[in-house]
Amino acid sequence: MNDIRRTILWVIFGFSMVLLWDKWQMHNGKQATFFPTPASTAASAPAAVQAGNAAVPSASAPAALAQGAAAVPGQPAAALQTPRERIEVTTDIYRLGFDTEGGSLTEAELLQHADMADKSKNFLLFDESAQRVYVAQTGLIGGNYPTHKTAMVAVPGPRTLQPGENELRIRFESPDLGGLKLVKTWTLQRGAYDIAVKHEVVNTGSAAVSPQLYLQLVRDGNKPPGESSFYSTFTGPAVYTNDKKYQKVEFKDIESGKADFAKESSNGYVAMVQHYFASAWLLPEGEQREMFMRKVDTNLYSVGMITPLGTIEPGATKSLEARLFAGPQIEKTLESLTPGLELVKDYGWLTILAKPLYWLLDKIHSFLGNWGWSIVGLVLLLKIMFYWLNAKAYASMAKMKAVNPKIMEMRERLKDKPQQMQQEMMRIYREEKVNPMGGCFPIMIQIPVFIALYWVLLSSVEMRNAPWIGWIHDLSTPDPFFILPLLMTLSSLLQTALNPAPPDPMQAKMMWIMPLIFSVMFFFFPAGLVLYWLTNNILSIAQQWLINTRMGVPPQFNLPKFK
């Protein structure tokens, strides 16, 4: 019988290498070989999303799709001469750019979040430029009605939220098209990342009409600027309903039309998600809606909702207020806006463990006021929680290390008799009351907890630009001087010295090589992740050293001979 404990460690090592290979494949735009991204449960809509006899217009960026207001039948001549204008609006947290073409939001600069690549600039979430497209649009369908391509007029008014004010409104009015006029009012609140968007539809004609309102987010399929090459995070559209829950969709699935999702609901939202930030259209609960996703043009995609406004009699007005969230994935904020919105902060299959870990981390931060020390404090609490479980594992390892000389001598003596060697090995284990698996199971039980903590730290926008001490000014970026990764590597080697050496010389060599290979990744990981791993290593070493000393098995630093 082989050494079971070493077999398990080899399995874990091999699994880690497979995951690294998959991440490398995904980074280079290929499908993961062993663990492909789970099939998304949402799909792209048909080439044109139909509602009644009219399709949702295409996005505003590509020239091939820019039909413009001039192409809308029945538009008044005066509207053709209305110049396209950019309206800039500033609040305490936003600098926004609105386009009078459709009254759309085409730029959103987050004043409290720095850009990843250039810390002197603010982070730009929405943008419509030659480099990238990411915009929020709304309009009417069901006839030749005002859309996000219609030239609208910005009503004069304040454009800056002044000190002492809590609300700022920006109003756009469309011309009369197809017997309808659309008035769109964006209302921004101080300190709020959700924007109320009121749509007032006025029937200026002589017949009753039944238009539908669409709300969509349009963006290119590129990864956001500043994304790391050494770990992968999701970028793309997502849909949430109470029935189907959270469904994220890869852009390539929209491209191929292979995915599927529940298209109708009376609840839920649509969103565009990226690392740390998201945008989402929210409708009141109970409003019937149809979700759609589609390819708009080459490398350009949209996700949106269509909701009926009912029958509007001549001279009557129908109003519907939606909300647009556009900001950081702060869990408490997301939870307060609508059910399920916090899921855009994606913890994957370990959400059930990650959410309480984030809650605990946030509580610790409320006392310490520093995210770096909060990470240290959280790992310390987890080590205390698992102290007795770890103690059992380290005691088993210490016993294994104590009998290792006997095992080595026996293997040398019986190296030509493998069957007798295995029998003798099991006899030694029985006599010394050593369980080869005793050091594995307690540690394996904890692995999901620490993987969940990894995703908490990787996903939390609070780590962006959060300083720790001295040279660590941003826990979301790699250590600029590689001090933490070097300490992490040394701590991993020290842990190897504390563990019992495998009887097999080749395995013994690999046990020293493995932490070196594993440590290479940490030179490019965010400092917060390396700090968490280093803290865990140091506390594990302290506990293992104490147990080994008590059991009379001091650490030995006898490196294997590499030939």
Protein backbone atom coordinates (compact mmCIF):
# COMPACT_ATOMS: atom_id res chain seq x y z
CA MET A 1 0.00 0.00 0.00
CA ASN A 2 1.45 3.41 -0.99
CA ASP A 3 1.69 6.32 1.36
CA ILE A 4 -1.92 7.57 1.15
CA ARG A 5 -1.16 10.99 2.52
CA ARG A 6 1.40 11.70 -0.19
CA THR A 7 -1.01 10.47 -2.83
CA ILE A 8 -3.60 13.00 -1.69
CA LEU A 9 -1.02 15.80 -1.78
CA TRP A 10 -0.06 14.79 -5.31
CA VAL A 11 -3.73 14.90 -6.30
CA ILE A 12 -4.08 18.42 -4.84
CA PHE A 13 -0.91 19.53 -6.63
CA GLY A 14 -2.12 18.08 -9.93
CA PHE A 15 -5.53 19.71 -9.50
CA SER A 16 -3.82 23.08 -8.90
CA MET A 17 -1.79 22.69 -12.10
CA VAL A 18 -4.95 21.86 -14.07
CA LEU A 19 -6.67 24.98 -12.75
CA LEU A 20 -3.66 27.11 -13.65
CA TRP A 21 -3.64 25.67 -17.18
CA ASP A 22 -7.35 26.39 -17.59
CA LYS A 23 -6.88 29.99 -16.42
CA TRP A 24 -4.04 30.40 -18.92
CA GLN A 25 -6.23 29.02 -21.72
CA MET A 26 -9.07 31.39 -20.79
CA HIS A 27 -6.68 34.35 -20.63
CA ASN A 28 -5.57 33.62 -24.18
CA GLY A 29 -9.15 33.56 -25.42
CA LYS A 30 -9.52 29.78 -25.58
CA GLN A 31 -12.05 27.45 -24.01
CA ALA A 32 -10.91 25.92 -20.72
CA THR A 33 -9.69 22.37 -21.35
CA PHE A 34 -10.68 20.60 -18.12
CA PHE A 35 -13.13 22.92 -16.33
CA PRO A 36 -14.88 25.08 -18.94
CA THR A 37 -17.00 27.96 -17.73
CA PRO A 38 -20.41 26.56 -16.72
CA ALA A 39 -22.90 26.77 -19.54
CA SER A 40 -24.79 29.99 -19.18
CA THR A 41 -28.50 29.64 -18.83
CA ALA A 42 -29.31 32.78 -20.78
CA ALA A 43 -29.13 33.29 -24.51
CA SER A 44 -28.95 35.92 -27.14
CA ALA A 45 -32.18 37.17 -28.60
CA PRO A 46 -32.93 36.98 -32.30
CA ALA A 47 -31.04 39.38 -34.56
CA ALA A 48 -33.66 42.00 -33.86
CA VAL A 49 -35.63 41.86 -30.63
CA GLN A 50 -39.25 42.06 -31.70
CA ALA A 51 -42.09 43.67 -29.83
CA GLY A 52 -45.21 44.07 -31.90
CA ASN A 53 -44.07 44.98 -35.42
CA ALA A 54 -41.04 47.10 -34.46
CA ALA A 55 -37.61 46.03 -33.36
CA VAL A 56 -35.44 47.52 -30.63
CA PRO A 57 -33.02 49.82 -32.44
CA SER A 58 -29.36 48.99 -32.57
CA ALA A 59 -26.71 50.65 -30.40
CA SER A 60 -25.55 54.13 -31.18
CA ALA A 61 -21.84 53.50 -31.78
CA PRO A 62 -21.31 51.59 -35.07
CA ALA A 63 -21.73 53.53 -38.26
CA ALA A 64 -23.44 50.58 -39.90
CA LEU A 65 -26.23 50.76 -37.37
CA ALA A 66 -26.46 54.52 -36.94
CA GLN A 67 -29.62 55.06 -38.94
CA GLY A 68 -30.29 58.25 -36.98
CA ALA A 69 -33.50 60.15 -36.35
CA ALA A 70 -33.74 61.07 -40.03
CA ALA A 71 -34.66 57.45 -40.82
CA VAL A 72 -37.68 57.43 -38.50
CA PRO A 73 -40.84 57.81 -40.56
CA GLY A 74 -43.13 60.69 -39.68
CA GLN A 75 -40.51 62.72 -37.79
CA PRO A 76 -41.08 66.50 -37.95
CA ALA A 77 -38.64 68.39 -40.15
CA ALA A 78 -37.66 70.69 -37.29
CA ALA A 79 -36.33 67.74 -35.31
CA LEU A 80 -33.90 66.90 -38.13
CA GLN A 81 -32.08 70.18 -37.52
CA THR A 82 -31.65 69.70 -33.78
CA PRO A 83 -27.89 69.50 -33.08
CA ARG A 84 -26.54 66.59 -31.06
CA GLU A 85 -25.32 67.89 -27.72
CA ARG A 86 -23.42 66.41 -24.76
CA ILE A 87 -24.72 67.40 -21.32
CA GLU A 88 -22.24 67.08 -18.45
CA VAL A 89 -23.64 66.60 -14.93
CA THR A 90 -21.68 66.48 -11.67
CA THR A 91 -22.66 65.18 -8.22
CA ASP A 92 -20.63 64.23 -5.16
CA ILE A 93 -19.90 60.75 -6.62
CA TYR A 94 -20.46 61.10 -10.38
CA ARG A 95 -19.40 63.06 -13.39
CA LEU A 96 -21.92 61.97 -16.02
CA GLY A 97 -22.21 62.61 -19.73
CA PHE A 98 -25.67 62.56 -21.35
CA ASP A 99 -26.34 62.62 -25.09
CA THR A 100 -29.32 64.53 -26.44
CA GLU A 101 -29.59 61.76 -29.03
CA GLY A 102 -32.12 59.66 -27.12
CA GLY A 103 -31.31 61.29 -23.77
CA SER A 104 -28.91 58.38 -23.18
CA LEU A 105 -26.21 58.05 -20.52
CA THR A 106 -22.94 57.66 -22.44
CA GLU A 107 -20.31 58.46 -19.81
CA ALA A 108 -20.07 57.73 -16.07
CA GLU A 109 -16.95 58.74 -14.18
CA LEU A 110 -16.87 57.53 -10.56
CA LEU A 111 -15.27 60.31 -8.55
CA GLN A 112 -14.55 58.17 -5.48
CA HIS A 113 -12.75 55.39 -7.35
CA ALA A 114 -9.37 55.74 -9.05
CA ASP A 115 -8.51 54.18 -12.37
CA MET A 116 -6.53 50.93 -12.10
CA ALA A 117 -3.94 51.85 -14.73
CA ASP A 118 -3.55 55.55 -13.91
CA LYS A 119 -4.18 56.41 -10.25
CA SER A 120 -4.26 60.15 -11.08
CA LYS A 121 -7.52 59.64 -13.00
CA ASN A 122 -10.98 58.61 -11.85
CA PHE A 123 -12.47 55.29 -12.91
CA LEU A 124 -14.62 55.50 -16.05
CA LEU A 125 -17.45 52.96 -16.06
CA PHE A 126 -19.59 54.13 -19.01
CA ASP A 127 -17.82 55.43 -22.07
CA GLU A 128 -18.54 56.01 -25.76
CA SER A 129 -15.26 56.60 -27.52
CA ALA A 130 -13.04 55.16 -30.23
CA GLN A 131 -11.49 52.79 -27.65
CA ARG A 132 -14.59 51.38 -25.99
CA VAL A 133 -18.41 51.45 -25.87
CA TYR A 134 -20.49 51.04 -22.72
CA VAL A 135 -23.76 53.01 -22.54
CA ALA A 136 -27.28 52.94 -21.06
CA GLN A 137 -30.22 53.56 -23.38
CA THR A 138 -34.03 53.57 -23.32
CA GLY A 139 -36.82 54.22 -25.81
CA LEU A 140 -40.23 53.18 -27.15
CA ILE A 141 -41.16 50.47 -29.63
CA GLY A 142 -44.42 49.28 -31.20
CA GLY A 143 -44.55 52.01 -33.82
CA ASN A 144 -42.57 54.91 -35.22
CA TYR A 145 -42.02 56.25 -31.72
CA PRO A 146 -39.10 58.02 -29.97
CA THR A 147 -36.11 55.74 -29.46
CA HIS A 148 -32.53 56.16 -28.22
CA LYS A 149 -31.74 57.37 -31.77
CA THR A 150 -34.24 60.23 -31.59
CA ALA A 151 -32.92 63.80 -31.30
CA MET A 152 -34.21 65.16 -27.98
CA VAL A 153 -34.03 68.53 -26.26
CA ALA A 154 -32.41 68.96 -22.86
CA VAL A 155 -34.58 71.20 -20.68
CA PRO A 156 -32.49 74.02 -19.14
CA GLY A 157 -31.67 73.60 -15.47
CA PRO A 158 -28.84 73.10 -12.97
CA ARG A 159 -26.11 70.64 -13.97
CA THR A 160 -24.19 70.45 -10.68
CA LEU A 161 -25.35 69.15 -7.31
CA GLN A 162 -24.54 72.02 -4.97
CA PRO A 163 -23.51 71.67 -1.29
CA GLY A 164 -26.60 71.27 0.85
CA GLU A 165 -28.65 69.87 -2.05
CA ASN A 166 -29.67 66.22 -2.12
CA GLU A 167 -31.24 65.91 -5.57
CA LEU A 168 -30.48 66.89 -9.14
CA ARG A 169 -32.78 66.38 -12.16
CA ILE A 170 -31.96 66.31 -15.87
CA ARG A 171 -34.93 66.35 -18.24
CA PHE A 172 -35.07 65.41 -21.94
CA GLU A 173 -38.07 65.87 -24.24
CA SER A 174 -38.58 64.21 -27.59
CA PRO A 175 -40.48 65.61 -30.55
CA ASP A 176 -43.91 64.21 -31.44
CA LEU A 177 -43.30 60.94 -33.27
CA GLY A 178 -46.07 58.61 -34.37
CA GLY A 179 -48.52 60.44 -32.11
CA LEU A 180 -46.32 60.02 -29.00
CA LYS A 181 -44.00 62.29 -27.07
CA LEU A 182 -41.44 60.87 -24.63
CA VAL A 183 -40.23 62.90 -21.64
CA LYS A 184 -37.28 61.30 -19.82
CA THR A 185 -36.19 62.60 -16.40
CA TRP A 186 -32.99 61.39 -14.72
CA THR A 187 -32.94 62.03 -10.95
CA LEU A 188 -29.65 61.75 -9.08
CA GLN A 189 -29.47 61.57 -5.28
CA ARG A 190 -26.49 62.58 -3.17
CA GLY A 191 -24.28 59.57 -2.41
CA ALA A 192 -26.49 57.15 -4.38
CA TYR A 193 -25.30 54.90 -7.22
CA ASP A 194 -28.87 54.19 -8.35
CA ILE A 195 -30.43 56.78 -10.66
CA ALA A 196 -34.19 57.12 -11.04
CA VAL A 197 -35.26 57.38 -14.69
CA LYS A 198 -38.87 58.47 -15.15
CA HIS A 199 -40.45 57.91 -18.56
CA GLU A 200 -43.58 59.99 -19.30
CA VAL A 201 -45.31 58.96 -22.52
CA VAL A 202 -47.85 61.50 -23.84
CA ASN A 203 -50.37 60.48 -26.48
CA THR A 204 -50.54 63.54 -28.75
CA GLY A 205 -52.53 61.74 -31.46
CA SER A 206 -56.21 61.03 -32.01
CA ALA A 207 -56.16 57.26 -31.46
CA ALA A 208 -55.33 55.03 -28.53
CA VAL A 209 -51.87 53.40 -28.68
CA SER A 210 -50.08 50.61 -26.79
CA PRO A 211 -46.33 51.28 -26.89
CA GLN A 212 -43.67 49.32 -25.07
CA LEU A 213 -40.66 50.67 -23.21
CA TYR A 214 -37.22 49.12 -23.61
CA LEU A 215 -34.19 49.61 -21.38
CA GLN A 216 -30.82 48.29 -22.45
CA LEU A 217 -27.12 48.28 -21.61
CA VAL A 218 -24.78 48.15 -24.59
CA ARG A 219 -21.05 47.43 -24.38
CA ASP A 220 -18.17 45.96 -26.31
CA GLY A 221 -16.91 42.46 -25.55
CA ASN A 222 -13.43 43.49 -24.44
CA LYS A 223 -12.00 42.89 -20.99
CA PRO A 224 -11.93 46.10 -18.91
CA PRO A 225 -8.60 47.99 -18.96
CA GLY A 226 -6.19 47.03 -16.17
CA GLU A 227 -7.41 43.42 -15.73
CA SER A 228 -4.76 40.97 -14.50
CA SER A 229 -3.40 38.22 -16.73
CA PHE A 230 -2.87 35.84 -13.81
CA TYR A 231 -6.42 35.40 -12.56
CA SER A 232 -9.72 35.45 -14.39
CA THR A 233 -12.87 37.37 -13.45
CA PHE A 234 -16.19 37.46 -15.31
CA THR A 235 -17.06 40.24 -17.75
CA GLY A 236 -20.43 40.17 -19.48
CA PRO A 237 -24.22 40.38 -19.16
CA ALA A 238 -26.33 38.77 -16.45
CA VAL A 239 -30.04 38.25 -15.79
CA TYR A 240 -31.83 37.63 -12.50
CA THR A 241 -35.39 36.41 -11.90
CA ASN A 242 -36.91 34.84 -8.81
CA ASP A 243 -37.50 31.60 -10.72
CA LYS A 244 -34.16 31.17 -12.50
CA LYS A 245 -32.04 33.15 -10.05
CA TYR A 246 -28.72 34.61 -11.20
CA GLN A 247 -27.62 33.76 -14.75
CA LYS A 248 -24.42 35.16 -16.21
CA VAL A 249 -23.67 34.86 -19.92
CA GLU A 250 -20.40 34.82 -21.82
CA PHE A 251 -20.21 37.12 -24.83
CA LYS A 252 -19.24 34.14 -26.98
CA ASP A 253 -22.53 32.46 -26.02
CA ILE A 254 -24.44 35.47 -27.30
CA GLU A 255 -22.33 35.34 -30.45
CA SER A 256 -23.16 31.68 -31.09
CA GLY A 257 -26.77 31.79 -29.84
CA LYS A 258 -26.31 28.53 -27.91
CA ALA A 259 -27.62 29.59 -24.52
CA ASP A 260 -31.18 29.75 -23.22
CA PHE A 261 -33.04 31.63 -20.49
CA ALA A 262 -36.54 32.44 -19.25
CA LYS A 263 -37.49 35.46 -21.30
CA GLU A 264 -40.54 36.63 -19.35
CA SER A 265 -40.96 37.55 -15.70
CA SER A 266 -42.68 40.02 -13.41
CA ASN A 267 -39.51 40.54 -11.38
CA GLY A 268 -35.74 40.64 -11.68
CA TYR A 269 -33.17 42.77 -13.45
CA VAL A 270 -30.63 42.80 -16.29
CA ALA A 271 -27.00 43.75 -15.71
CA MET A 272 -23.54 44.18 -17.20
CA VAL A 273 -20.86 42.86 -14.86
CA GLN A 274 -17.10 43.26 -14.63
CA HIS A 275 -14.48 42.99 -11.90
CA TYR A 276 -15.47 45.23 -8.95
CA PHE A 277 -18.19 47.19 -10.87
CA ALA A 278 -21.58 46.63 -12.47
CA SER A 279 -24.56 48.34 -14.05
CA ALA A 280 -28.17 47.15 -13.94
CA TRP A 281 -31.62 48.22 -15.08
CA LEU A 282 -34.26 47.79 -12.36
CA LEU A 283 -38.05 47.89 -12.79
CA PRO A 284 -40.69 47.94 -10.05
CA GLU A 285 -41.70 44.51 -8.75
CA GLY A 286 -44.82 43.21 -10.50
CA GLU A 287 -44.17 44.97 -13.82
CA GLN A 288 -44.23 42.39 -16.60
CA ARG A 289 -40.97 42.34 -18.53
CA GLU A 290 -39.26 40.47 -21.34
CA MET A 291 -35.49 40.03 -21.02
CA PHE A 292 -33.28 39.95 -24.10
CA MET A 293 -29.63 39.67 -25.06
CA ARG A 294 -28.29 40.11 -28.55
CA LYS A 295 -25.32 40.89 -30.71
CA VAL A 296 -25.62 44.47 -31.93
CA ASP A 297 -22.59 44.58 -34.19
CA THR A 298 -19.05 43.22 -34.39
CA ASN A 299 -17.82 42.91 -30.79
CA LEU A 300 -20.82 44.85 -29.51
CA TYR A 301 -23.58 43.35 -27.34
CA SER A 302 -26.68 44.42 -25.44
CA VAL A 303 -28.77 43.15 -22.55
CA GLY A 304 -32.12 44.67 -21.79
CA MET A 305 -35.79 44.49 -20.84
CA ILE A 306 -39.01 45.32 -22.64
CA THR A 307 -42.12 46.19 -20.64
CA PRO A 308 -45.63 47.04 -21.94
CA LEU A 309 -47.08 50.43 -20.98
CA GLY A 310 -50.68 49.42 -21.63
CA THR A 311 -53.22 51.39 -23.64
CA ILE A 312 -52.78 55.17 -23.66
CA GLU A 313 -55.88 57.12 -24.75
CA PRO A 314 -55.61 60.33 -26.81
CA GLY A 315 -54.46 63.22 -24.62
CA ALA A 316 -53.49 60.88 -21.77
CA THR A 317 -50.05 60.36 -20.22
CA LYS A 318 -48.58 57.10 -18.91
CA SER A 319 -45.56 57.20 -16.58
CA LEU A 320 -43.12 54.48 -15.56
CA GLU A 321 -40.07 54.94 -13.38
CA ALA A 322 -37.09 52.63 -13.73
CA ARG A 323 -33.77 52.77 -11.92
CA LEU A 324 -30.28 52.45 -13.29
CA PHE A 325 -27.55 51.20 -10.96
CA ALA A 326 -24.04 52.09 -12.13
CA GLY A 327 -21.27 51.74 -9.60
CA PRO A 328 -19.08 49.59 -7.36
CA GLN A 329 -20.14 46.16 -6.12
CA ILE A 330 -20.56 47.15 -2.48
CA GLU A 331 -22.54 44.24 -1.07
CA LYS A 332 -24.68 46.16 1.43
CA THR A 333 -25.62 48.74 -1.20
CA LEU A 334 -26.58 46.08 -3.74
CA GLU A 335 -28.71 44.19 -1.21
CA SER A 336 -30.67 47.35 -0.39
CA LEU A 337 -31.66 48.08 -4.00
CA THR A 338 -33.46 44.94 -5.19
CA PRO A 339 -33.53 41.21 -4.42
CA GLY A 340 -30.60 39.31 -5.94
CA LEU A 341 -28.59 42.33 -7.08
CA GLU A 342 -25.80 41.45 -4.63
CA LEU A 343 -25.15 38.36 -6.78
CA VAL A 344 -23.37 40.47 -9.40
CA LYS A 345 -20.52 40.23 -6.88
CA ASP A 346 -19.87 36.67 -7.94
CA TYR A 347 -18.43 34.21 -5.41
CA GLY A 348 -19.21 31.20 -7.59
CA TRP A 349 -20.19 27.87 -6.06
CA LEU A 350 -18.83 28.84 -2.63
CA THR A 351 -21.29 31.72 -2.11
CA ILE A 352 -22.80 29.97 0.93
CA LEU A 353 -19.40 30.24 2.67
CA ALA A 354 -18.19 33.47 1.08
CA LYS A 355 -21.10 35.69 2.16
CA PRO A 356 -20.66 35.08 5.93
CA LEU A 357 -16.89 35.49 5.54
CA TYR A 358 -17.40 38.88 3.88
CA TRP A 359 -19.85 39.85 6.62
CA LEU A 360 -17.27 38.96 9.27
CA LEU A 361 -14.51 40.79 7.39
CA ASP A 362 -16.71 43.89 7.16
CA LYS A 363 -17.47 43.74 10.89
CA ILE A 364 -13.76 43.48 11.72
CA HIS A 365 -13.06 46.46 9.45
CA SER A 366 -15.67 48.52 11.32
CA PHE A 367 -13.48 48.12 14.42
CA LEU A 368 -9.97 48.26 12.93
CA GLY A 369 -10.57 50.74 10.11
CA ASN A 370 -7.87 49.17 7.89
CA TRP A 371 -8.61 46.44 5.34
CA GLY A 372 -5.11 44.96 5.57
CA TRP A 373 -5.29 44.47 9.33
CA SER A 374 -8.87 43.26 8.90
CA ILE A 375 -7.59 40.46 6.63
CA VAL A 376 -5.02 39.53 9.29
CA GLY A 377 -7.75 39.60 11.96
CA LEU A 378 -10.12 37.43 9.93
CA VAL A 379 -7.47 34.77 9.27
CA LEU A 380 -6.58 34.82 12.98
CA LEU A 381 -10.24 34.21 13.90
CA LEU A 382 -10.47 31.36 11.40
CA LYS A 383 -7.31 29.76 12.80
CA ILE A 384 -8.76 30.00 16.31
CA MET A 385 -12.01 28.47 15.05
CA PHE A 386 -10.12 25.55 13.51
CA TYR A 387 -7.47 25.32 16.24
CA TRP A 388 -8.39 21.87 17.55
CA LEU A 389 -8.93 20.49 14.06
CA ASN A 390 -5.49 21.74 13.03
CA ALA A 391 -3.98 20.48 16.28
CA LYS A 392 -5.17 16.98 15.47
CA ALA A 393 -3.66 17.19 11.98
CA TYR A 394 -0.32 18.57 13.20
CA ALA A 395 -0.12 15.95 15.97
CA SER A 396 -0.61 13.24 13.36
CA MET A 397 2.12 14.81 11.20
CA ALA A 398 4.45 14.97 14.21
CA LYS A 399 3.91 11.24 14.86
CA MET A 400 4.60 10.53 11.20
CA LYS A 401 7.81 12.55 11.44
CA ALA A 402 8.85 10.69 14.62
CA VAL A 403 8.53 7.28 12.98
CA ASN A 404 10.03 8.44 9.69
CA PRO A 405 13.56 7.19 10.53
CA LYS A 406 12.14 3.68 11.11
CA ILE A 407 10.28 3.85 7.80
CA MET A 408 13.37 5.02 5.93
CA GLU A 409 15.53 2.27 7.44
CA MET A 410 12.89 -0.36 6.65
CA ARG A 411 12.49 0.83 3.04
CA GLU A 412 16.24 0.63 2.51
CA ARG A 413 16.40 -2.84 4.06
CA LEU A 414 13.44 -4.23 2.08
CA LYS A 415 13.78 -2.24 -1.15
CA ASP A 416 13.89 -5.46 -3.18
CA LYS A 417 10.81 -6.92 -1.46
CA PRO A 418 7.94 -4.44 -2.13
CA GLN A 419 5.15 -6.64 -0.75
CA GLN A 420 7.02 -7.29 2.51
CA MET A 421 7.87 -3.58 2.66
CA GLN A 422 4.20 -2.61 2.60
CA GLN A 423 3.33 -5.15 5.27
CA GLU A 424 6.16 -3.93 7.48
CA MET A 425 5.12 -0.33 6.99
CA MET A 426 1.57 -1.08 8.10
CA ARG A 427 2.94 -2.95 11.14
CA ILE A 428 4.98 0.09 12.18
CA TYR A 429 1.95 2.34 11.78
CA ARG A 430 -0.14 0.02 13.98
CA GLU A 431 2.50 -0.32 16.70
CA GLU A 432 3.23 3.41 16.80
CA LYS A 433 -0.52 4.24 16.56
CA VAL A 434 0.03 6.43 13.51
CA ASN A 435 -2.74 7.13 11.01
CA PRO A 436 -1.28 8.13 7.61
CA MET A 437 -4.56 9.93 6.82
CA GLY A 438 -4.72 11.72 10.16
CA GLY A 439 -2.95 14.82 8.89
CA CYS A 440 -4.97 15.10 5.68
CA PHE A 441 -8.67 15.03 6.51
CA PRO A 442 -8.66 17.91 9.07
CA ILE A 443 -6.85 20.13 6.59
CA MET A 444 -8.99 19.12 3.60
CA ILE A 445 -12.15 20.00 5.55
CA GLN A 446 -10.86 23.60 5.81
CA ILE A 447 -9.91 23.99 2.15
CA PRO A 448 -13.38 25.22 0.98
CA VAL A 449 -13.36 27.91 3.69
CA PHE A 450 -10.04 29.33 2.58
CA ILE A 451 -10.96 29.09 -1.12
CA ALA A 452 -14.14 31.05 -0.30
CA LEU A 453 -12.04 33.67 1.51
CA TYR A 454 -9.83 33.89 -1.57
CA TRP A 455 -12.88 34.81 -3.69
CA VAL A 456 -14.09 37.29 -1.07
CA LEU A 457 -10.78 39.16 -1.23
CA LEU A 458 -10.56 38.92 -5.02
CA SER A 459 -14.14 40.19 -5.54
CA SER A 460 -14.40 42.96 -2.94
CA VAL A 461 -14.14 46.46 -4.39
CA GLU A 462 -13.20 47.67 -0.90
CA MET A 463 -9.68 46.33 -1.58
CA ARG A 464 -9.17 48.79 -4.46
CA ASN A 465 -6.75 51.55 -3.42
CA ALA A 466 -6.96 50.35 0.19
CA PRO A 467 -3.59 50.79 1.93
CA TRP A 468 -2.14 48.47 4.58
CA ILE A 469 1.29 49.54 5.90
CA GLY A 470 4.38 51.22 4.47
CA TRP A 471 4.90 50.22 0.88
CA ILE A 472 1.46 48.56 0.41
CA HIS A 473 -0.76 51.37 -0.88
CA ASP A 474 -3.30 49.24 -2.76
CA LEU A 475 -4.38 45.76 -1.61
CA SER A 476 -5.92 45.04 -5.04
CA THR A 477 -2.61 45.31 -6.93
CA PRO A 478 0.62 43.26 -6.65
CA ASP A 479 3.24 44.16 -4.05
CA PRO A 480 5.49 46.66 -5.91
CA PHE A 481 8.65 45.35 -4.19
CA PHE A 482 7.62 41.65 -4.01
CA ILE A 483 8.27 41.58 -0.27
CA LEU A 484 5.05 39.78 0.65
CA PRO A 485 5.47 37.10 -2.07
CA LEU A 486 9.06 36.44 -0.95
CA LEU A 487 7.96 36.07 2.67
CA MET A 488 5.14 33.80 1.53
CA THR A 489 7.63 31.61 -0.36
CA LEU A 490 9.92 31.36 2.69
CA SER A 491 6.98 30.49 4.93
CA SER A 492 5.91 27.74 2.52
CA LEU A 493 9.42 26.25 2.58
CA LEU A 494 9.45 26.39 6.37
CA GLN A 495 6.13 24.54 6.44
CA THR A 496 7.67 21.86 4.25
CA ALA A 497 10.51 21.47 6.75
CA LEU A 498 7.98 20.95 9.56
CA ASN A 499 6.15 18.20 7.68
CA PRO A 500 7.37 14.60 7.65
CA ALA A 501 9.54 13.87 4.64
CA PRO A 502 8.25 11.22 2.20
CA PRO A 503 10.23 7.97 2.24
CA ASP A 504 10.53 8.10 -1.54
CA PRO A 505 13.51 10.38 -2.47
CA MET A 506 11.75 11.64 -5.61
CA GLN A 507 8.65 12.59 -3.62
CA ALA A 508 10.89 14.30 -1.06
CA LYS A 509 12.41 16.46 -3.81
CA MET A 510 9.00 17.33 -5.20
CA MET A 511 7.77 18.37 -1.76
CA TRP A 512 10.42 21.11 -1.82
CA ILE A 513 9.83 22.05 -5.45
CA MET A 514 6.03 22.32 -5.15
CA PRO A 515 5.95 25.39 -2.84
CA LEU A 516 8.43 27.16 -5.13
CA ILE A 517 6.27 26.52 -8.21
CA PHE A 518 3.11 27.48 -6.33
CA SER A 519 4.72 30.68 -5.04
CA VAL A 520 5.47 32.01 -8.53
CA MET A 521 1.77 32.94 -8.96
CA PHE A 522 1.81 35.06 -5.82
CA PHE A 523 4.32 37.50 -7.28
CA PHE A 524 1.53 38.68 -9.58
CA PHE A 525 -1.47 38.31 -7.28
CA PRO A 526 -3.07 41.27 -5.43
CA ALA A 527 -1.27 42.14 -2.21
CA GLY A 528 -4.42 41.47 -0.17
CA LEU A 529 -4.53 37.85 -1.36
CA VAL A 530 -0.83 37.33 -0.62
CA LEU A 531 -1.27 38.90 2.83
CA TYR A 532 -4.09 36.48 3.61
CA TRP A 533 -2.03 33.46 2.51
CA LEU A 534 1.10 34.66 4.34
CA THR A 535 -0.85 35.23 7.56
CA ASN A 536 -2.35 31.76 7.30
CA ASN A 537 1.11 30.25 6.76
CA ILE A 538 2.67 32.06 9.72
CA LEU A 539 -0.11 31.04 12.12
CA SER A 540 0.01 27.45 10.84
CA ILE A 541 3.80 27.36 11.33
CA ALA A 542 3.48 28.70 14.87
CA GLN A 543 0.90 26.07 15.84
CA GLN A 544 2.75 23.24 14.11
CA TRP A 545 6.10 24.25 15.66
CA LEU A 546 4.52 24.30 19.12
CA ILE A 547 2.94 20.85 18.70
CA ASN A 548 6.11 19.34 17.21
CA THR A 549 8.19 20.69 20.09
CA ARG A 550 5.76 19.35 22.69
CA MET A 551 5.93 15.94 21.07
CA GLY A 552 9.71 15.98 20.92
CA VAL A 553 9.92 16.26 17.14
CA PRO A 554 11.86 19.47 16.38
CA PRO A 555 11.97 20.72 12.78
CA GLN A 556 14.78 19.41 10.57
CA PHE A 557 16.10 21.48 7.70
CA ASN A 558 17.72 18.68 5.76
CA LEU A 559 17.20 19.61 2.12
CA PRO A 560 17.08 16.72 -0.34
CA LYS A 561 19.99 16.28 -2.66
CA PHE A 562 19.15 17.30 -6.19
CA LYS A 563 21.19 15.40 -8.75
